[in-house]
Amino acid sequence: MEETIDAASTNTEILSIPDPATLASVLTEGVKNTIGDSRVKVTYEPEYVPAVPPAMPDIPLEQLAGMIKATVKVEVLDGNIAYLKIQHIIGEEMAQKVGPLLLEYIWDKVLPTSAMILDFRSAVSGELSGIPYIVSYYTDSEPLIHIDSVYDRPSDITTELWSMPTLLGKRYGTSKPLIILTSKNTLGVAEDVAYCLKSLKRATIVGENTAGGTVKIDKIKVGDTDFYVSVPVAKSINPITGKSWEIDGVAPDVEVPAEDALETAVAIIELRAELPELVQAAAALVADNYAFPS
């Protein structure tokens, strides 16, 4: 990158671009073409104020219930199939705080179902601590599973994420079908959850290749200007595959347009439900017509 910057410093054409926003766009394209990472962006933001993570607010339970209903859609489809559409993956702290509400409004409704569809097609934000929380509901309590490792560059610390031995409410288990819907807009933490469950062979991914984001982005101010560079500062490495879903995204097991993913998922679940009867019928056919005492 240093060599490329030195070479580009002799190119004065971009200095003639009067509009800062246009200049930022040109710089972004240059950076993407140079390092091949679509997550790195240059922006012009004269009014930018660094975000400070808020403390856990003391919100009445009624308001929390409203927030949950706004970000999670829950429904039981025909065939006893649970459907959960999630736009934001909450962290463990928030999950613990709203646990009783999660059980009442969501989990108690879907727990008795025979299959589940998680819709991450619009999931673009989330908390890192929510990854083991969600994954654990679809694994056994023992043995504990190392599901992800996240390296944080600023601190030079690698954090291992493991499945959780205890959870609020009962687990959905490991035997019932689980399908995750994805789109090209599925981003960040939701990609991590999908990749973890896919790598564990616990979920089937249906839809489009995901965005290929990251678990953490920092925005760095460029000198004494109003230009900022957004740079990934952490990396997820799956302990099972030894690879990361970042940049390339999570590839679906069944690739279909995002708008057709739900219909396809239902068809897959219905077919899987019929398989035992089909196998039994085939076995009976063989036994009746092609089996001999010898």
Foldseek 3Di string as FASTA:
>chain_A
DVVVVVVCVVPCPLVPDPDQQVSQVVVLVVVCVVPVFNQKGKGFDPPDDDDDDDDDDPDDLVVVLVVCVVAWDWDQDPQQEIEIEGAEQEAPVVCVVNVVSCVVPHVVSNLPGQAYEYELANHAYYALNSQLQVLLLQEALPPKAFQKWKQFQVVRDIDTDIHHNDHRDHRSYQPGAYEYEYAQARYASSLSNVVSCVLVVRYAYEEAFYVQYYNDWDWADDPPHSMIIIDHRMFMATPRVRHGCHRRGDGGPHYDHRVCRVVVVVVVNVVVVCVVVVVVVVVVVCCVPPDDPD
